[in-house]
Amino acid sequence: SDKQWEKNYCSKFMYFNRLRVDDYLHILQSLNQEIIGVEPEIDYDLLEALKSDRIELDKAFFSKPHEVLATICSWIISRKP
């Protein structure tokens, strides 16, 4: 939940956010950016854990594909048309 996230992970010393690669793509598209390429790095151990329901997800992430949730970093290339 957002409350647990703020309590356990928000710190003035280290910043985390909950945006996933699909969220960044949506933001760029909403700014009329043309997406040229996306190169996600997927953690396959995490992907397997997600598929086998060994990780408890917040309801905000239920609708996201496992591959998106298992993406630990990504390169997105876009341009203004």
C-alpha atoms as a PDB file:
ATOM      1  CA  SER A   1       0.000   0.000   0.000  1.00  0.00           C
ATOM      2  CA  ASP A   2       1.055   3.609  -0.319  1.00  0.00           C
ATOM      3  CA  LYS A   3       1.251   3.923   3.482  1.00  0.00           C
ATOM      4  CA  GLN A   4       3.595   0.939   3.789  1.00  0.00           C
ATOM      5  CA  TRP A   5       5.673   2.233   0.878  1.00  0.00           C
ATOM      6  CA  GLU A   6       6.120   5.637   2.503  1.00  0.00           C
ATOM      7  CA  LYS A   7       6.881   4.138   5.907  1.00  0.00           C
ATOM      8  CA  ASN A   8       9.384   1.520   4.740  1.00  0.00           C
ATOM      9  CA  TYR A   9      10.976   2.868   1.577  1.00  0.00           C
ATOM     10  CA  CYS A  10      10.721   6.653   1.422  1.00  0.00           C
ATOM     11  CA  SER A  11      13.744   8.328   2.848  1.00  0.00           C
ATOM     12  CA  LYS A  12      15.304  11.752   2.560  1.00  0.00           C
ATOM     13  CA  PHE A  13      18.597   9.937   1.957  1.00  0.00           C
ATOM     14  CA  MET A  14      17.539   7.579  -0.846  1.00  0.00           C
ATOM     15  CA  TYR A  15      14.721   8.106  -3.341  1.00  0.00           C
ATOM     16  CA  PHE A  16      12.606   5.325  -4.853  1.00  0.00           C
ATOM     17  CA  ASN A  17       9.582   5.576  -7.069  1.00  0.00           C
ATOM     18  CA  ARG A  18       6.971   3.061  -8.122  1.00  0.00           C
ATOM     19  CA  LEU A  19       6.816   3.950 -11.808  1.00  0.00           C
ATOM     20  CA  ARG A  20       7.334   1.002 -14.136  1.00  0.00           C
ATOM     21  CA  VAL A  21       8.548   1.018 -17.738  1.00  0.00           C
ATOM     22  CA  ASP A  22       4.966   1.091 -19.075  1.00  0.00           C
ATOM     23  CA  ASP A  23       4.288   4.195 -16.962  1.00  0.00           C
ATOM     24  CA  TYR A  24       7.279   5.980 -18.491  1.00  0.00           C
ATOM     25  CA  LEU A  25       6.121   4.995 -21.979  1.00  0.00           C
ATOM     26  CA  HIS A  26       2.662   6.378 -21.228  1.00  0.00           C
ATOM     27  CA  ILE A  27       4.169   9.659 -19.990  1.00  0.00           C
ATOM     28  CA  LEU A  28       6.313  10.029 -23.097  1.00  0.00           C
ATOM     29  CA  GLN A  29       3.389   9.213 -25.392  1.00  0.00           C
ATOM     30  CA  SER A  30       1.188  11.722 -23.571  1.00  0.00           C
ATOM     31  CA  LEU A  31       3.858  14.322 -24.425  1.00  0.00           C
ATOM     32  CA  ASN A  32       3.546  13.343 -28.105  1.00  0.00           C
ATOM     33  CA  GLN A  33       6.939  11.659 -28.143  1.00  0.00           C
ATOM     34  CA  GLU A  34       7.512   9.009 -30.796  1.00  0.00           C
ATOM     35  CA  ILE A  35       8.875   5.857 -29.157  1.00  0.00           C
ATOM     36  CA  ILE A  36      11.788   4.642 -31.269  1.00  0.00           C
ATOM     37  CA  GLY A  37      12.984   1.819 -29.056  1.00  0.00           C
ATOM     38  CA  VAL A  38      12.634   0.181 -25.671  1.00  0.00           C
ATOM     39  CA  GLU A  39      15.270  -2.104 -24.185  1.00  0.00           C
ATOM     40  CA  PRO A  40      14.124  -3.526 -20.851  1.00  0.00           C
ATOM     41  CA  GLU A  41      16.383  -5.555 -18.573  1.00  0.00           C
ATOM     42  CA  ILE A  42      14.285  -8.284 -16.998  1.00  0.00           C
ATOM     43  CA  ASP A  43      15.239 -10.084 -13.794  1.00  0.00           C
ATOM     44  CA  TYR A  44      14.243 -13.644 -14.706  1.00  0.00           C
ATOM     45  CA  ASP A  45      14.388 -14.880 -11.092  1.00  0.00           C
ATOM     46  CA  LEU A  46      11.946 -12.135 -10.148  1.00  0.00           C
ATOM     47  CA  LEU A  47       9.793 -12.973 -13.164  1.00  0.00           C
ATOM     48  CA  GLU A  48       9.571 -16.605 -12.053  1.00  0.00           C
ATOM     49  CA  ALA A  49       8.701 -15.543  -8.495  1.00  0.00           C
ATOM     50  CA  LEU A  50       5.939 -13.291  -9.823  1.00  0.00           C
ATOM     51  CA  LYS A  51       4.528 -16.040 -12.032  1.00  0.00           C
ATOM     52  CA  SER A  52       4.458 -18.505  -9.136  1.00  0.00           C
ATOM     53  CA  ASP A  53       2.769 -15.977  -6.794  1.00  0.00           C
ATOM     54  CA  ARG A  54       5.664 -16.036  -4.300  1.00  0.00           C
ATOM     55  CA  ILE A  55       5.606 -12.237  -4.136  1.00  0.00           C
ATOM     56  CA  GLU A  56       2.734 -10.318  -2.594  1.00  0.00           C
ATOM     57  CA  LEU A  57       1.778  -7.380  -4.788  1.00  0.00           C
ATOM     58  CA  ASP A  58      -0.051  -4.227  -3.882  1.00  0.00           C
ATOM     59  CA  LYS A  59      -3.397  -4.024  -5.686  1.00  0.00           C
ATOM     60  CA  ALA A  60      -2.090  -1.064  -7.703  1.00  0.00           C
ATOM     61  CA  PHE A  61       0.144  -3.510  -9.595  1.00  0.00           C
ATOM     62  CA  PHE A  62      -2.304  -6.399 -10.195  1.00  0.00           C
ATOM     63  CA  SER A  63      -3.101  -5.280 -13.737  1.00  0.00           C
ATOM     64  CA  LYS A  64       0.524  -4.958 -14.836  1.00  0.00           C
ATOM     65  CA  PRO A  65       2.141  -7.777 -16.833  1.00  0.00           C
ATOM     66  CA  HIS A  66       4.733  -9.806 -14.956  1.00  0.00           C
ATOM     67  CA  GLU A  67       7.401  -8.821 -17.495  1.00  0.00           C
ATOM     68  CA  VAL A  68       6.806  -5.151 -16.698  1.00  0.00           C
ATOM     69  CA  LEU A  69       7.030  -5.789 -12.956  1.00  0.00           C
ATOM     70  CA  ALA A  70      10.238  -7.811 -13.396  1.00  0.00           C
ATOM     71  CA  THR A  71      11.937  -5.046 -15.404  1.00  0.00           C
ATOM     72  CA  ILE A  72      14.722  -3.697 -13.218  1.00  0.00           C
ATOM     73  CA  CYS A  73      15.950  -1.039 -15.644  1.00  0.00           C
ATOM     74  CA  SER A  74      15.336   0.011 -19.214  1.00  0.00           C
ATOM     75  CA  TRP A  75      16.488   2.276 -21.974  1.00  0.00           C
ATOM     76  CA  ILE A  76      13.782   4.192 -23.800  1.00  0.00           C
ATOM     77  CA  ILE A  77      14.579   6.116 -26.930  1.00  0.00           C
ATOM     78  CA  SER A  78      12.052   8.688 -28.081  1.00  0.00           C
ATOM     79  CA  ARG A  79      11.886  11.810 -30.178  1.00  0.00           C
ATOM     80  CA  LYS A  80       9.587  14.660 -30.853  1.00  0.00           C
ATOM     81  CA  PRO A  81       8.027  14.074 -34.314  1.00  0.00           C
END
